[in-house]
C-alpha atoms as a PDB file:
ATOM      1  CA  MET A   1     -75.993 -69.450  35.673  1.00  0.00           C
ATOM      2  CA  LYS A   2     -74.507 -72.223  33.083  1.00  0.00           C
ATOM      3  CA  ALA A   3     -71.785 -70.925  30.570  1.00  0.00           C
ATOM      4  CA  THR A   4     -71.750 -71.948  27.025  1.00  0.00           C
ATOM      5  CA  VAL A   5     -70.038 -72.058  24.260  1.00  0.00           C
ATOM      6  CA  ALA A   6     -71.481 -71.452  20.832  1.00  0.00           C
ATOM      7  CA  THR A   7     -69.671 -71.643  17.501  1.00  0.00           C
ATOM      8  CA  LEU A   8     -71.014 -69.187  14.854  1.00  0.00           C
ATOM      9  CA  LEU A   9     -70.413 -66.898  12.035  1.00  0.00           C
ATOM     10  CA  VAL A  10     -69.933 -62.836  12.930  1.00  0.00           C
ATOM     11  CA  LEU A  11     -70.721 -61.444   9.479  1.00  0.00           C
ATOM     12  CA  ILE A  12     -70.260 -57.576   8.484  1.00  0.00           C
ATOM     13  CA  SER A  13     -72.405 -56.493   5.349  1.00  0.00           C
ATOM     14  CA  LEU A  14     -71.813 -53.013   3.528  1.00  0.00           C
ATOM     15  CA  MET A  15     -73.818 -51.067   1.300  1.00  0.00           C
ATOM     16  CA  SER A  16     -71.795 -48.065  -0.141  1.00  0.00           C
ATOM     17  CA  THR A  17     -72.323 -44.967  -1.993  1.00  0.00           C
ATOM     18  CA  ALA A  18     -69.861 -45.756  -4.491  1.00  0.00           C
ATOM     19  CA  MET A  19     -68.015 -49.087  -5.149  1.00  0.00           C
ATOM     20  CA  GLY A  20     -65.721 -50.002  -2.480  1.00  0.00           C
ATOM     21  CA  HIS A  21     -63.180 -52.858  -1.819  1.00  0.00           C
ATOM     22  CA  MET A  22     -63.591 -53.964   1.445  1.00  0.00           C
ATOM     23  CA  ALA A  23     -62.105 -57.178   3.552  1.00  0.00           C
ATOM     24  CA  LEU A  24     -61.971 -57.608   7.439  1.00  0.00           C
ATOM     25  CA  LEU A  25     -58.565 -57.584   9.243  1.00  0.00           C
ATOM     26  CA  TYR A  26     -60.013 -59.230  12.782  1.00  0.00           C
ATOM     27  CA  PRO A  27     -61.898 -60.788  13.409  1.00  0.00           C
ATOM     28  CA  LYS A  28     -59.972 -62.470  10.854  1.00  0.00           C
ATOM     29  CA  PRO A  29     -62.493 -63.358   8.202  1.00  0.00           C
ATOM     30  CA  ARG A  30     -63.063 -66.653   5.836  1.00  0.00           C
ATOM     31  CA  GLY A  31     -60.472 -66.091   3.176  1.00  0.00           C
ATOM     32  CA  GLY A  32     -58.713 -63.435   4.537  1.00  0.00           C
ATOM     33  CA  TYR A  33     -55.319 -62.495   4.912  1.00  0.00           C
ATOM     34  CA  GLY A  34     -53.115 -65.008   6.719  1.00  0.00           C
ATOM     35  CA  THR A  35     -55.443 -67.783   5.767  1.00  0.00           C
ATOM     36  CA  ARG A  36     -54.663 -70.604   3.554  1.00  0.00           C
ATOM     37  CA  GLN A  37     -57.779 -69.643   1.166  1.00  0.00           C
ATOM     38  CA  TYR A  38     -56.494 -66.285   0.520  1.00  0.00           C
ATOM     39  CA  ASN A  39     -56.305 -65.543  -2.959  1.00  0.00           C
ATOM     40  CA  GLY A  40     -56.592 -61.529  -3.010  1.00  0.00           C
ATOM     41  CA  HIS A  41     -60.730 -61.822  -3.310  1.00  0.00           C
ATOM     42  CA  VAL A  42     -62.113 -61.627  -0.159  1.00  0.00           C
ATOM     43  CA  HIS A  43     -61.986 -57.670  -0.867  1.00  0.00           C
ATOM     44  CA  THR A  44     -64.513 -58.322  -3.715  1.00  0.00           C
ATOM     45  CA  TRP A  45     -68.561 -57.520  -3.750  1.00  0.00           C
ATOM     46  CA  ILE A  46     -70.998 -60.303  -3.964  1.00  0.00           C
ATOM     47  CA  GLY A  47     -71.669 -61.623  -7.521  1.00  0.00           C
ATOM     48  CA  TYR A  48     -67.754 -60.388  -8.727  1.00  0.00           C
ATOM     49  CA  LYS A  49     -66.565 -62.877 -11.061  1.00  0.00           C
ATOM     50  CA  ASP A  50     -62.888 -63.487 -13.189  1.00  0.00           C
ATOM     51  CA  LYS A  51     -61.526 -66.098 -14.558  1.00  0.00           C
ATOM     52  CA  THR A  52     -60.719 -67.927 -11.648  1.00  0.00           C
ATOM     53  CA  TRP A  53     -62.552 -66.796  -8.931  1.00  0.00           C
ATOM     54  CA  LYS A  54     -66.652 -66.131  -8.390  1.00  0.00           C
ATOM     55  CA  ALA A  55     -67.550 -65.044  -5.121  1.00  0.00           C
ATOM     56  CA  LYS A  56     -71.041 -66.022  -3.953  1.00  0.00           C
ATOM     57  CA  PHE A  57     -73.055 -65.141  -1.650  1.00  0.00           C
ATOM     58  CA  PRO A  58     -72.741 -65.711   2.082  1.00  0.00           C
ATOM     59  CA  CYS A  59     -69.544 -65.071   3.101  1.00  0.00           C
ATOM     60  CA  GLY A  60     -67.764 -64.516  -0.545  1.00  0.00           C
ATOM     61  CA  GLY A  61     -68.070 -68.520  -1.082  1.00  0.00           C
ATOM     62  CA  PHE A  62     -65.192 -69.383   1.034  1.00  0.00           C
ATOM     63  CA  ARG A  63     -64.964 -71.944   3.752  1.00  0.00           C
ATOM     64  CA  PRO A  64     -64.565 -71.789   7.214  1.00  0.00           C
ATOM     65  CA  GLY A  65     -61.811 -70.425   8.532  1.00  0.00           C
ATOM     66  CA  PRO A  66     -59.562 -69.424  11.493  1.00  0.00           C
ATOM     67  CA  GLU A  67     -62.169 -69.341  14.893  1.00  0.00           C
ATOM     68  CA  THR A  68     -62.097 -66.329  17.362  1.00  0.00           C
ATOM     69  CA  LYS A  69     -63.113 -66.862  21.062  1.00  0.00           C
ATOM     70  CA  LEU A  70     -64.847 -63.505  22.267  1.00  0.00           C
ATOM     71  CA  LYS A  71     -67.240 -63.456  25.211  1.00  0.00           C
ATOM     72  CA  ALA A  72     -71.159 -62.336  25.487  1.00  0.00           C
ATOM     73  CA  GLY A  73     -71.303 -58.715  25.769  1.00  0.00           C
ATOM     74  CA  GLN A  74     -67.127 -57.975  24.582  1.00  0.00           C
ATOM     75  CA  VAL A  75     -67.337 -54.641  22.424  1.00  0.00           C
ATOM     76  CA  VAL A  76     -64.746 -56.129  19.230  1.00  0.00           C
ATOM     77  CA  ALA A  77     -62.118 -54.231  17.915  1.00  0.00           C
ATOM     78  CA  VAL A  78     -62.930 -54.493  14.539  1.00  0.00           C
ATOM     79  CA  ARG A  79     -60.298 -54.331  11.913  1.00  0.00           C
ATOM     80  CA  PHE A  80     -60.833 -53.461   8.259  1.00  0.00           C
ATOM     81  CA  ALA A  81     -57.673 -53.750   5.469  1.00  0.00           C
ATOM     82  CA  ALA A  82     -56.468 -49.876   3.900  1.00  0.00           C
ATOM     83  CA  SER A  83     -54.682 -50.905   0.310  1.00  0.00           C
ATOM     84  CA  SER A  84     -51.871 -48.642   1.627  1.00  0.00           C
ATOM     85  CA  MET A  85     -51.225 -50.956   4.513  1.00  0.00           C
ATOM     86  CA  SER A  86     -47.823 -53.349   4.047  1.00  0.00           C
ATOM     87  CA  GLU A  87     -47.684 -57.029   4.493  1.00  0.00           C
ATOM     88  CA  ALA A  88     -46.425 -56.307   7.739  1.00  0.00           C
ATOM     89  CA  GLU A  89     -48.676 -53.985   9.121  1.00  0.00           C
ATOM     90  CA  MET A  90     -51.195 -56.686   7.697  1.00  0.00           C
ATOM     91  CA  ARG A  91     -49.727 -58.985   9.884  1.00  0.00           C
ATOM     92  CA  THR A  92     -49.514 -56.807  13.308  1.00  0.00           C
ATOM     93  CA  GLN A  93     -52.868 -54.998  12.437  1.00  0.00           C
ATOM     94  CA  PRO A  94     -51.308 -51.870  14.311  1.00  0.00           C
ATOM     95  CA  LYS A  95     -53.396 -49.362  16.602  1.00  0.00           C
ATOM     96  CA  PRO A  96     -55.736 -46.625  14.581  1.00  0.00           C
ATOM     97  CA  ASN A  97     -54.143 -43.256  15.649  1.00  0.00           C
ATOM     98  CA  GLY A  98     -55.304 -39.765  14.765  1.00  0.00           C
ATOM     99  CA  SER A  99     -52.585 -38.204  15.220  1.00  0.00           C
ATOM    100  CA  LYS A 100     -49.209 -38.326  12.867  1.00  0.00           C
ATOM    101  CA  ARG A 101     -49.419 -41.393  11.382  1.00  0.00           C
ATOM    102  CA  ARG A 102     -52.244 -42.980   9.550  1.00  0.00           C
ATOM    103  CA  PHE A 103     -53.205 -45.032   6.277  1.00  0.00           C
ATOM    104  CA  PRO A 104     -54.341 -43.450   3.306  1.00  0.00           C
ATOM    105  CA  GLN A 105     -57.758 -44.302   2.042  1.00  0.00           C
ATOM    106  CA  ALA A 106     -60.202 -43.679  -0.893  1.00  0.00           C
ATOM    107  CA  ARG A 107     -63.310 -43.562   1.071  1.00  0.00           C
ATOM    108  CA  HIS A 108     -65.303 -42.441  -1.967  1.00  0.00           C
ATOM    109  CA  GLY A 109     -68.152 -41.280   0.410  1.00  0.00           C
ATOM    110  CA  GLY A 110     -68.545 -43.645   3.003  1.00  0.00           C
ATOM    111  CA  GLY A 111     -71.697 -46.385   3.603  1.00  0.00           C
ATOM    112  CA  THR A 112     -73.601 -48.571   5.624  1.00  0.00           C
ATOM    113  CA  CYS A 113     -72.055 -51.418   7.623  1.00  0.00           C
ATOM    114  CA  GLU A 114     -74.303 -53.995   9.311  1.00  0.00           C
ATOM    115  CA  PHE A 115     -72.748 -56.807  12.099  1.00  0.00           C
ATOM    116  CA  SER A 116     -74.976 -59.891  12.503  1.00  0.00           C
ATOM    117  CA  LEU A 117     -74.341 -63.312  13.662  1.00  0.00           C
ATOM    118  CA  SER A 118     -75.381 -66.802  12.126  1.00  0.00           C
ATOM    119  CA  TYR A 119     -75.882 -70.413  13.733  1.00  0.00           C
ATOM    120  CA  ASP A 120     -76.571 -71.669  10.524  1.00  0.00           C
ATOM    121  CA  GLU A 121     -73.860 -70.966   7.693  1.00  0.00           C
ATOM    122  CA  GLY A 122     -75.612 -67.673   6.559  1.00  0.00           C
ATOM    123  CA  LYS A 123     -79.061 -68.805   5.990  1.00  0.00           C
ATOM    124  CA  THR A 124     -80.152 -66.498   8.543  1.00  0.00           C
ATOM    125  CA  PHE A 125     -79.144 -63.360  10.321  1.00  0.00           C
ATOM    126  CA  HIS A 126     -79.232 -61.497  13.683  1.00  0.00           C
ATOM    127  CA  LEU A 127     -78.327 -58.100  13.357  1.00  0.00           C
ATOM    128  CA  ILE A 128     -76.227 -56.875  16.222  1.00  0.00           C
ATOM    129  CA  GLY A 129     -74.956 -53.320  14.849  1.00  0.00           C
ATOM    130  CA  ARG A 130     -75.680 -51.215  12.016  1.00  0.00           C
ATOM    131  CA  TYR A 131     -73.587 -47.902  11.499  1.00  0.00           C
ATOM    132  CA  THR A 132     -74.908 -45.627   8.348  1.00  0.00           C
ATOM    133  CA  ARG A 133     -72.769 -43.384   6.605  1.00  0.00           C
ATOM    134  CA  SER A 134     -69.086 -44.008   8.166  1.00  0.00           C
ATOM    135  CA  CYS A 135     -68.253 -47.636   9.939  1.00  0.00           C
ATOM    136  CA  PRO A 136     -66.352 -47.439  12.922  1.00  0.00           C
ATOM    137  CA  ASP A 137     -63.047 -48.072  11.671  1.00  0.00           C
ATOM    138  CA  ALA A 138     -60.755 -46.284   9.362  1.00  0.00           C
ATOM    139  CA  TYR A 139     -58.967 -49.046   7.958  1.00  0.00           C
ATOM    140  CA  TYR A 140     -60.667 -49.336   4.251  1.00  0.00           C
ATOM    141  CA  GLU A 141     -59.338 -49.839   0.945  1.00  0.00           C
ATOM    142  CA  TRP A 142     -61.949 -48.060  -2.050  1.00  0.00           C
ATOM    143  CA  THR A 143     -61.416 -48.106  -4.995  1.00  0.00           C
ATOM    144  CA  ALA A 144     -64.075 -45.356  -7.472  1.00  0.00           C
ATOM    145  CA  SER A 145     -66.895 -46.524  -9.581  1.00  0.00           C
ATOM    146  CA  ILE A 146     -70.902 -45.540  -9.970  1.00  0.00           C
ATOM    147  CA  LEU A 147     -72.100 -48.128  -9.214  1.00  0.00           C
ATOM    148  CA  PRO A 148     -73.746 -49.901  -6.425  1.00  0.00           C
ATOM    149  CA  GLN A 149     -72.268 -53.034  -4.807  1.00  0.00           C
ATOM    150  CA  TYR A 150     -72.783 -55.589  -1.755  1.00  0.00           C
ATOM    151  CA  TYR A 151     -69.938 -56.840   0.418  1.00  0.00           C
ATOM    152  CA  HIS A 152     -70.022 -59.759   3.310  1.00  0.00           C
ATOM    153  CA  ASN A 153     -67.355 -60.816   4.745  1.00  0.00           C
ATOM    154  CA  CYS A 154     -67.670 -63.840   7.392  1.00  0.00           C
ATOM    155  CA  ALA A 155     -65.525 -64.614  10.594  1.00  0.00           C
ATOM    156  CA  ASP A 156     -65.970 -67.973  12.242  1.00  0.00           C
ATOM    157  CA  VAL A 157     -66.079 -66.978  16.006  1.00  0.00           C
ATOM    158  CA  SER A 158     -66.657 -68.730  19.588  1.00  0.00           C
ATOM    159  CA  ILE A 159     -68.862 -67.179  21.903  1.00  0.00           C
ATOM    160  CA  GLU A 160     -69.087 -67.690  25.257  1.00  0.00           C
ATOM    161  CA  GLY A 161     -72.008 -66.767  26.897  1.00  0.00           C
ATOM    162  CA  VAL A 162     -75.270 -67.951  29.173  1.00  0.00           C
ATOM    163  CA  LYS A 163     -76.959 -70.897  28.295  1.00  0.00           C
ATOM    164  CA  ASN A 164     -80.671 -70.269  26.600  1.00  0.00           C
ATOM    165  CA  GLY A 165     -79.252 -66.531  25.816  1.00  0.00           C
ATOM    166  CA  LYS A 166     -81.687 -64.643  23.552  1.00  0.00           C
ATOM    167  CA  LEU A 167     -80.529 -63.354  19.873  1.00  0.00           C
ATOM    168  CA  PRO A 168     -82.373 -60.138  18.236  1.00  0.00           C
ATOM    169  CA  SER A 169     -84.485 -61.173  15.435  1.00  0.00           C
ATOM    170  CA  LYS A 170     -84.109 -58.302  12.913  1.00  0.00           C
ATOM    171  CA  SER A 171     -81.872 -59.179  10.106  1.00  0.00           C
ATOM    172  CA  ILE A 172     -80.092 -57.612   7.938  1.00  0.00           C
ATOM    173  CA  LYS A 173     -80.283 -56.000   4.752  1.00  0.00           C
ATOM    174  CA  ILE A 174     -79.131 -57.672   1.716  1.00  0.00           C
ATOM    175  CA  VAL A 175     -79.254 -56.251  -2.150  1.00  0.00           C
ATOM    176  CA  ASP A 176     -76.980 -55.706  -5.124  1.00  0.00           C
ATOM    177  CA  PHE A 177     -77.000 -59.331  -6.551  1.00  0.00           C
ATOM    178  CA  ALA A 178     -79.229 -61.634  -8.307  1.00  0.00           C
ATOM    179  CA  GLY A 179     -82.322 -62.638  -6.610  1.00  0.00           C
ATOM    180  CA  HIS A 180     -82.324 -59.547  -4.752  1.00  0.00           C
ATOM    181  CA  GLN A 181     -83.144 -55.779  -5.053  1.00  0.00           C
ATOM    182  CA  GLN A 182     -80.847 -54.161  -7.456  1.00  0.00           C
ATOM    183  CA  GLY A 183     -79.245 -50.406  -7.754  1.00  0.00           C
ATOM    184  CA  VAL A 184     -79.245 -49.521  -3.864  1.00  0.00           C
ATOM    185  CA  THR A 185     -76.957 -47.249  -2.419  1.00  0.00           C
ATOM    186  CA  ALA A 186     -76.645 -46.072   1.164  1.00  0.00           C
ATOM    187  CA  PRO A 187     -76.105 -42.256   2.332  1.00  0.00           C
ATOM    188  CA  GLY A 188     -72.491 -41.573   3.187  1.00  0.00           C
ATOM    189  CA  ASP A 189     -70.552 -39.223   5.400  1.00  0.00           C
ATOM    190  CA  ASN A 190     -68.650 -37.592   1.718  1.00  0.00           C
ATOM    191  CA  ALA A 191     -65.473 -38.303   3.206  1.00  0.00           C
ATOM    192  CA  ASP A 192     -63.114 -38.885   0.902  1.00  0.00           C
ATOM    193  CA  ASP A 193     -59.651 -39.681   3.196  1.00  0.00           C
ATOM    194  CA  LEU A 194     -60.635 -39.702   6.815  1.00  0.00           C
ATOM    195  CA  GLY A 195     -63.742 -40.519   7.828  1.00  0.00           C
ATOM    196  CA  LYS A 196     -65.319 -39.095  11.226  1.00  0.00           C
ATOM    197  CA  GLY A 197     -66.576 -42.586  12.353  1.00  0.00           C
ATOM    198  CA  PRO A 198     -69.777 -42.801  13.613  1.00  0.00           C
ATOM    199  CA  SER A 199     -72.251 -40.475  15.296  1.00  0.00           C
ATOM    200  CA  ARG A 200     -72.182 -41.113  19.471  1.00  0.00           C
ATOM    201  CA  ASP A 201     -75.919 -41.905  19.098  1.00  0.00           C
ATOM    202  CA  GLU A 202     -75.299 -44.842  17.054  1.00  0.00           C
ATOM    203  CA  ILE A 203     -72.668 -45.871  19.241  1.00  0.00           C
ATOM    204  CA  ASN A 204     -74.327 -45.830  22.444  1.00  0.00           C
ATOM    205  CA  ALA A 205     -77.165 -47.325  20.924  1.00  0.00           C
ATOM    206  CA  ASN A 206     -75.055 -50.302  19.230  1.00  0.00           C
ATOM    207  CA  LEU A 207     -73.487 -50.979  22.379  1.00  0.00           C
ATOM    208  CA  HIS A 208     -77.073 -50.874  24.664  1.00  0.00           C
ATOM    209  CA  GLY A 209     -79.042 -53.223  22.851  1.00  0.00           C
ATOM    210  CA  LYS A 210     -80.537 -51.826  20.171  1.00  0.00           C
ATOM    211  CA  TRP A 211     -81.246 -54.573  18.215  1.00  0.00           C
ATOM    212  CA  ASP A 212     -82.579 -57.153  21.531  1.00  0.00           C
END
């Protein structure tokens, strides 16, 4: 079977139980730390606005960024930023550890993460992974609020696969900003400090073609 390389977006969207500030570290997102567009707003929710920035859907309004090369079927070690991480740690992205050292977090209960692919700059989405209550990594940055918010980070990736490969047909859930259903929250895991991570059943389902 002939291999082909397609350039697309890998997107992560988050529906939280409380307002959280989230940002991808790896794959490096549009507007992420270390990119030319980095302005400290990659962690804001869609619809956020201040004097200098308005976060738009999709991708927070950031332009295409650095490309990460992946292979079809590869398990991607997604990383998120924690507010307690130093600049050196943001650069080196140390591996998660569950023993003596970890990055302090304020998760405020967790939420639901969806991972998807888009070949048309965020007009349509193909769901490739969903984790409820807790996302599959411990690097989070959260702040407290009672308001539901919707987060959307995009990373430009090049995936080496096979010609005429099939994409999942199911899309992501898009909520909590203008033109979409408002006031939506997702069940969390009720952990403020360190989540237990997704269930083994969800991990197995996402790794074995649940959304195909």
